[in-house]
Amino acid sequence: MSKTVLPSHIIGERGVNAFADYCNCHQPYIIWREETKNDFGVDGEVELTEITAEGKTKPASHIDIIEV
């Protein structure tokens, strides 16, 4: 039996990709970790970063769960 790609799956993938692009372009940078296995509505997690006095980007040690 052949599998079918549902429109809802395509829309969901576009949403996750758009959010990943947003995180990559954000200043300061937002670390995005996509959940791809048994996500049950959770698409991934983000970790905020901060800019140090030396101008380096470091994780701010705050993680949130994201549903896109």
PDB file of N, CA and C in Angstrom:
ATOM      1  N   MET A   1       0.843  -1.171   0.000  1.00  0.00           N
ATOM      2  CA  MET A   1       0.000   0.000   0.000  1.00  0.00           C
ATOM      3  C   MET A   1       0.896   1.244   0.000  1.00  0.00           C
ATOM      4  N   SER A   2       0.568   2.183  -0.857  1.00  0.00           N
ATOM      5  CA  SER A   2       1.358   3.413  -0.917  1.00  0.00           C
ATOM      6  C   SER A   2       0.933   4.376   0.195  1.00  0.00           C
ATOM      7  N   LYS A   3       1.860   5.201   0.607  1.00  0.00           N
ATOM      8  CA  LYS A   3       1.590   6.183   1.648  1.00  0.00           C
ATOM      9  C   LYS A   3       1.160   7.491   1.016  1.00  0.00           C
ATOM     10  N   THR A   4       0.436   8.277   1.786  1.00  0.00           N
ATOM     11  CA  THR A   4      -0.062   9.558   1.323  1.00  0.00           C
ATOM     12  C   THR A   4       0.500  10.674   2.197  1.00  0.00           C
ATOM     13  N   VAL A   5       0.947  11.742   1.575  1.00  0.00           N
ATOM     14  CA  VAL A   5       1.382  12.921   2.303  1.00  0.00           C
ATOM     15  C   VAL A   5       0.178  13.856   2.390  1.00  0.00           C
ATOM     16  N   LEU A   6      -0.291  14.065   3.584  1.00  0.00           N
ATOM     17  CA  LEU A   6      -1.469  14.901   3.797  1.00  0.00           C
ATOM     18  C   LEU A   6      -1.113  16.384   3.746  1.00  0.00           C
ATOM     19  N   PRO A   7      -2.050  17.224   3.304  1.00  0.00           N
ATOM     20  CA  PRO A   7      -1.800  18.671   3.299  1.00  0.00           C
ATOM     21  C   PRO A   7      -1.419  19.198   4.689  1.00  0.00           C
ATOM     22  N   SER A   8      -1.991  18.632   5.739  1.00  0.00           N
ATOM     23  CA  SER A   8      -1.663  19.090   7.092  1.00  0.00           C
ATOM     24  C   SER A   8      -0.199  18.829   7.431  1.00  0.00           C
ATOM     25  N   HIS A   9       0.359  17.741   6.901  1.00  0.00           N
ATOM     26  CA  HIS A   9       1.776  17.446   7.134  1.00  0.00           C
ATOM     27  C   HIS A   9       2.658  18.485   6.437  1.00  0.00           C
ATOM     28  N   ILE A  10       2.296  18.831   5.210  1.00  0.00           N
ATOM     29  CA  ILE A  10       3.059  19.821   4.452  1.00  0.00           C
ATOM     30  C   ILE A  10       3.016  21.173   5.154  1.00  0.00           C
ATOM     31  N   ILE A  11       1.845  21.580   5.611  1.00  0.00           N
ATOM     32  CA  ILE A  11       1.697  22.858   6.320  1.00  0.00           C
ATOM     33  C   ILE A  11       2.513  22.848   7.610  1.00  0.00           C
ATOM     34  N   GLY A  12       2.476  21.728   8.328  1.00  0.00           N
ATOM     35  CA  GLY A  12       3.244  21.609   9.562  1.00  0.00           C
ATOM     36  C   GLY A  12       4.738  21.733   9.316  1.00  0.00           C
ATOM     37  N   GLU A  13       5.226  21.082   8.270  1.00  0.00           N
ATOM     38  CA  GLU A  13       6.645  21.163   7.924  1.00  0.00           C
ATOM     39  C   GLU A  13       7.036  22.596   7.555  1.00  0.00           C
ATOM     40  N   ARG A  14       6.173  23.283   6.831  1.00  0.00           N
ATOM     41  CA  ARG A  14       6.460  24.674   6.459  1.00  0.00           C
ATOM     42  C   ARG A  14       6.537  25.556   7.704  1.00  0.00           C
ATOM     43  N   GLY A  15       5.648  25.306   8.658  1.00  0.00           N
ATOM     44  CA  GLY A  15       5.654  26.082   9.896  1.00  0.00           C
ATOM     45  C   GLY A  15       6.938  25.871  10.686  1.00  0.00           C
ATOM     46  N   VAL A  16       7.358  24.630  10.819  1.00  0.00           N
ATOM     47  CA  VAL A  16       8.592  24.321  11.543  1.00  0.00           C
ATOM     48  C   VAL A  16       9.789  24.949  10.837  1.00  0.00           C
ATOM     49  N   ASN A  17       9.829  24.859   9.502  1.00  0.00           N
ATOM     50  CA  ASN A  17      10.939  25.447   8.750  1.00  0.00           C
ATOM     51  C   ASN A  17      10.966  26.967   8.881  1.00  0.00           C
ATOM     52  N   ALA A  18       9.809  27.598   8.848  1.00  0.00           N
ATOM     53  CA  ALA A  18       9.741  29.057   8.990  1.00  0.00           C
ATOM     54  C   ALA A  18      10.222  29.479  10.377  1.00  0.00           C
ATOM     55  N   PHE A  19       9.855  28.712  11.390  1.00  0.00           N
ATOM     56  CA  PHE A  19      10.292  29.041  12.747  1.00  0.00           C
ATOM     57  C   PHE A  19      11.805  28.845  12.888  1.00  0.00           C
ATOM     58  N   ALA A  20      12.340  27.787  12.302  1.00  0.00           N
ATOM     59  CA  ALA A  20      13.788  27.550  12.337  1.00  0.00           C
ATOM     60  C   ALA A  20      14.531  28.705  11.659  1.00  0.00           C
ATOM     61  N   ASP A  21      14.014  29.186  10.529  1.00  0.00           N
ATOM     62  CA  ASP A  21      14.624  30.325   9.840  1.00  0.00           C
ATOM     63  C   ASP A  21      14.600  31.567  10.729  1.00  0.00           C
ATOM     64  N   TYR A  22      13.482  31.773  11.410  1.00  0.00           N
ATOM     65  CA  TYR A  22      13.363  32.918  12.327  1.00  0.00           C
ATOM     66  C   TYR A  22      14.443  32.844  13.411  1.00  0.00           C
ATOM     67  N   CYS A  23      14.608  31.667  14.009  1.00  0.00           N
ATOM     68  CA  CYS A  23      15.607  31.488  15.069  1.00  0.00           C
ATOM     69  C   CYS A  23      17.015  31.741  14.547  1.00  0.00           C
ATOM     70  N   ASN A  24      17.306  31.272  13.337  1.00  0.00           N
ATOM     71  CA  ASN A  24      18.631  31.443  12.754  1.00  0.00           C
ATOM     72  C   ASN A  24      18.960  32.902  12.450  1.00  0.00           C
ATOM     73  N   CYS A  25      17.944  33.697  12.160  1.00  0.00           N
ATOM     74  CA  CYS A  25      18.167  35.101  11.807  1.00  0.00           C
ATOM     75  C   CYS A  25      18.042  36.040  12.998  1.00  0.00           C
ATOM     76  N   HIS A  26      17.543  35.564  14.125  1.00  0.00           N
ATOM     77  CA  HIS A  26      17.302  36.409  15.292  1.00  0.00           C
ATOM     78  C   HIS A  26      18.616  36.854  15.934  1.00  0.00           C
ATOM     79  N   GLN A  27      18.632  38.073  16.447  1.00  0.00           N
ATOM     80  CA  GLN A  27      19.779  38.582  17.199  1.00  0.00           C
ATOM     81  C   GLN A  27      19.304  39.001  18.579  1.00  0.00           C
ATOM     82  N   PRO A  28      19.809  38.464  19.664  1.00  0.00           N
ATOM     83  CA  PRO A  28      20.805  37.404  19.671  1.00  0.00           C
ATOM     84  C   PRO A  28      20.210  36.089  19.174  1.00  0.00           C
ATOM     85  N   TYR A  29      21.088  35.230  18.743  1.00  0.00           N
ATOM     86  CA  TYR A  29      20.733  33.933  18.156  1.00  0.00           C
ATOM     87  C   TYR A  29      19.848  33.116  19.099  1.00  0.00           C
ATOM     88  N   ILE A  30      18.890  32.397  18.538  1.00  0.00           N
ATOM     89  CA  ILE A  30      18.049  31.474  19.295  1.00  0.00           C
ATOM     90  C   ILE A  30      18.397  30.067  18.845  1.00  0.00           C
ATOM     91  N   ILE A  31      18.780  29.220  19.792  1.00  0.00           N
ATOM     92  CA  ILE A  31      19.118  27.831  19.478  1.00  0.00           C
ATOM     93  C   ILE A  31      17.811  27.051  19.331  1.00  0.00           C
ATOM     94  N   TRP A  32      17.612  26.399  18.202  1.00  0.00           N
ATOM     95  CA  TRP A  32      16.397  25.618  17.915  1.00  0.00           C
ATOM     96  C   TRP A  32      16.770  24.154  17.789  1.00  0.00           C
ATOM     97  N   ARG A  33      16.111  23.311  18.590  1.00  0.00           N
ATOM     98  CA  ARG A  33      16.323  21.860  18.518  1.00  0.00           C
ATOM     99  C   ARG A  33      14.984  21.216  18.164  1.00  0.00           C
ATOM    100  N   GLU A  34      14.893  20.754  16.940  1.00  0.00           N
ATOM    101  CA  GLU A  34      13.643  20.153  16.478  1.00  0.00           C
ATOM    102  C   GLU A  34      13.473  18.750  17.057  1.00  0.00           C
ATOM    103  N   GLU A  35      12.266  18.455  17.505  1.00  0.00           N
ATOM    104  CA  GLU A  35      11.911  17.118  17.996  1.00  0.00           C
ATOM    105  C   GLU A  35      11.279  16.376  16.827  1.00  0.00           C
ATOM    106  N   THR A  36      11.908  15.291  16.403  1.00  0.00           N
ATOM    107  CA  THR A  36      11.416  14.588  15.210  1.00  0.00           C
ATOM    108  C   THR A  36      10.862  13.210  15.514  1.00  0.00           C
ATOM    109  N   LYS A  37      10.940  12.774  16.748  1.00  0.00           N
ATOM    110  CA  LYS A  37      10.512  11.431  17.088  1.00  0.00           C
ATOM    111  C   LYS A  37       9.402  11.475  18.137  1.00  0.00           C
ATOM    112  N   ASN A  38       8.230  10.964  17.795  1.00  0.00           N
ATOM    113  CA  ASN A  38       7.106  10.887  18.735  1.00  0.00           C
ATOM    114  C   ASN A  38       6.881  12.202  19.461  1.00  0.00           C
ATOM    115  N   ASP A  39       6.685  13.272  18.682  1.00  0.00           N
ATOM    116  CA  ASP A  39       6.610  14.584  19.320  1.00  0.00           C
ATOM    117  C   ASP A  39       5.276  14.872  20.019  1.00  0.00           C
ATOM    118  N   PHE A  40       4.188  14.217  19.635  1.00  0.00           N
ATOM    119  CA  PHE A  40       2.876  14.385  20.267  1.00  0.00           C
ATOM    120  C   PHE A  40       2.523  15.855  20.450  1.00  0.00           C
ATOM    121  N   GLY A  41       2.712  16.640  19.407  1.00  0.00           N
ATOM    122  CA  GLY A  41       2.351  18.061  19.455  1.00  0.00           C
ATOM    123  C   GLY A  41       3.515  18.970  19.795  1.00  0.00           C
ATOM    124  N   VAL A  42       4.589  18.444  20.352  1.00  0.00           N
ATOM    125  CA  VAL A  42       5.761  19.253  20.652  1.00  0.00           C
ATOM    126  C   VAL A  42       6.695  19.185  19.452  1.00  0.00           C
ATOM    127  N   ASP A  43       6.980  20.342  18.872  1.00  0.00           N
ATOM    128  CA  ASP A  43       7.811  20.382  17.667  1.00  0.00           C
ATOM    129  C   ASP A  43       9.294  20.543  17.979  1.00  0.00           C
ATOM    130  N   GLY A  44       9.610  21.043  19.152  1.00  0.00           N
ATOM    131  CA  GLY A  44      11.007  21.215  19.503  1.00  0.00           C
ATOM    132  C   GLY A  44      11.164  22.093  20.716  1.00  0.00           C
ATOM    133  N   GLU A  45      12.404  22.517  20.936  1.00  0.00           N
ATOM    134  CA  GLU A  45      12.681  23.399  22.056  1.00  0.00           C
ATOM    135  C   GLU A  45      13.628  24.493  21.602  1.00  0.00           C
ATOM    136  N   VAL A  46      13.536  25.625  22.269  1.00  0.00           N
ATOM    137  CA  VAL A  46      14.431  26.737  21.987  1.00  0.00           C
ATOM    138  C   VAL A  46      15.226  27.055  23.239  1.00  0.00           C
ATOM    139  N   GLU A  47      16.434  27.508  23.021  1.00  0.00           N
ATOM    140  CA  GLU A  47      17.258  28.007  24.114  1.00  0.00           C
ATOM    141  C   GLU A  47      17.738  29.394  23.726  1.00  0.00           C
ATOM    142  N   LEU A  48      17.461  30.351  24.570  1.00  0.00           N
ATOM    143  CA  LEU A  48      17.866  31.719  24.302  1.00  0.00           C
ATOM    144  C   LEU A  48      19.363  31.868  24.518  1.00  0.00           C
ATOM    145  N   THR A  49      19.953  32.833  23.826  1.00  0.00           N
ATOM    146  CA  THR A  49      21.369  33.136  24.011  1.00  0.00           C
ATOM    147  C   THR A  49      21.502  34.591  24.421  1.00  0.00           C
ATOM    148  N   GLU A  50      22.683  34.931  24.873  1.00  0.00           N
ATOM    149  CA  GLU A  50      22.977  36.321  25.214  1.00  0.00           C
ATOM    150  C   GLU A  50      24.373  36.661  24.727  1.00  0.00           C
ATOM    151  N   ILE A  51      24.611  37.938  24.549  1.00  0.00           N
ATOM    152  CA  ILE A  51      25.909  38.417  24.099  1.00  0.00           C
ATOM    153  C   ILE A  51      26.693  38.842  25.337  1.00  0.00           C
ATOM    154  N   THR A  52      27.895  38.306  25.489  1.00  0.00           N
ATOM    155  CA  THR A  52      28.736  38.643  26.636  1.00  0.00           C
ATOM    156  C   THR A  52      29.396  40.002  26.422  1.00  0.00           C
ATOM    157  N   ALA A  53      30.022  40.508  27.468  1.00  0.00           N
ATOM    158  CA  ALA A  53      30.739  41.788  27.375  1.00  0.00           C
ATOM    159  C   ALA A  53      31.865  41.708  26.350  1.00  0.00           C
ATOM    160  N   GLU A  54      32.379  40.492  26.112  1.00  0.00           N
ATOM    161  CA  GLU A  54      33.438  40.294  25.124  1.00  0.00           C
ATOM    162  C   GLU A  54      32.893  40.140  23.702  1.00  0.00           C
ATOM    163  N   GLY A  55      31.563  40.189  23.554  1.00  0.00           N
ATOM    164  CA  GLY A  55      30.945  40.072  22.236  1.00  0.00           C
ATOM    165  C   GLY A  55      30.694  38.649  21.781  1.00  0.00           C
ATOM    166  N   LYS A  56      30.859  37.692  22.680  1.00  0.00           N
ATOM    167  CA  LYS A  56      30.620  36.288  22.335  1.00  0.00           C
ATOM    168  C   LYS A  56      29.172  35.918  22.635  1.00  0.00           C
ATOM    169  N   THR A  57      28.650  34.970  21.864  1.00  0.00           N
ATOM    170  CA  THR A  57      27.294  34.477  22.071  1.00  0.00           C
ATOM    171  C   THR A  57      27.360  33.243  22.960  1.00  0.00           C
ATOM    172  N   LYS A  58      26.573  33.246  24.046  1.00  0.00           N
ATOM    173  CA  LYS A  58      26.563  32.085  24.926  1.00  0.00           C
ATOM    174  C   LYS A  58      25.122  31.734  25.289  1.00  0.00           C
ATOM    175  N   PRO A  59      24.838  30.450  25.513  1.00  0.00           N
ATOM    176  CA  PRO A  59      23.494  30.043  25.921  1.00  0.00           C
ATOM    177  C   PRO A  59      23.134  30.695  27.249  1.00  0.00           C
ATOM    178  N   ALA A  60      21.883  31.111  27.366  1.00  0.00           N
ATOM    179  CA  ALA A  60      21.414  31.766  28.590  1.00  0.00           C
ATOM    180  C   ALA A  60      20.859  30.764  29.590  1.00  0.00           C
ATOM    181  N   SER A  61      20.931  29.474  29.263  1.00  0.00           N
ATOM    182  CA  SER A  61      20.469  28.397  30.149  1.00  0.00           C
ATOM    183  C   SER A  61      18.983  28.486  30.466  1.00  0.00           C
ATOM    184  N   HIS A  62      18.202  28.917  29.491  1.00  0.00           N
ATOM    185  CA  HIS A  62      16.743  28.929  29.630  1.00  0.00           C
ATOM    186  C   HIS A  62      16.159  28.239  28.403  1.00  0.00           C
ATOM    187  N   ILE A  63      15.478  27.114  28.615  1.00  0.00           N
ATOM    188  CA  ILE A  63      14.927  26.312  27.517  1.00  0.00           C
ATOM    189  C   ILE A  63      13.406  26.310  27.608  1.00  0.00           C
ATOM    190  N   ASP A  64      12.741  26.494  26.479  1.00  0.00           N
ATOM    191  CA  ASP A  64      11.281  26.431  26.393  1.00  0.00           C
ATOM    192  C   ASP A  64      10.874  25.398  25.352  1.00  0.00           C
ATOM    193  N   ILE A  65       9.737  24.750  25.594  1.00  0.00           N
ATOM    194  CA  ILE A  65       9.151  23.789  24.662  1.00  0.00           C
ATOM    195  C   ILE A  65       8.262  24.552  23.692  1.00  0.00           C
ATOM    196  N   ILE A  66       8.333  24.216  22.410  1.00  0.00           N
ATOM    197  CA  ILE A  66       7.601  24.948  21.365  1.00  0.00           C
ATOM    198  C   ILE A  66       6.677  24.017  20.586  1.00  0.00           C
ATOM    199  N   GLU A  67       5.460  24.490  20.382  1.00  0.00           N
ATOM    200  CA  GLU A  67       4.515  23.846  19.458  1.00  0.00           C
ATOM    201  C   GLU A  67       4.236  24.856  18.363  1.00  0.00           C
ATOM    202  N   VAL A  68       4.705  24.574  17.152  1.00  0.00           N
ATOM    203  CA  VAL A  68       4.536  25.503  16.038  1.00  0.00           C
ATOM    204  C   VAL A  68       3.196  25.281  15.385  1.00  0.00           C
TER     205      VAL A  68
END
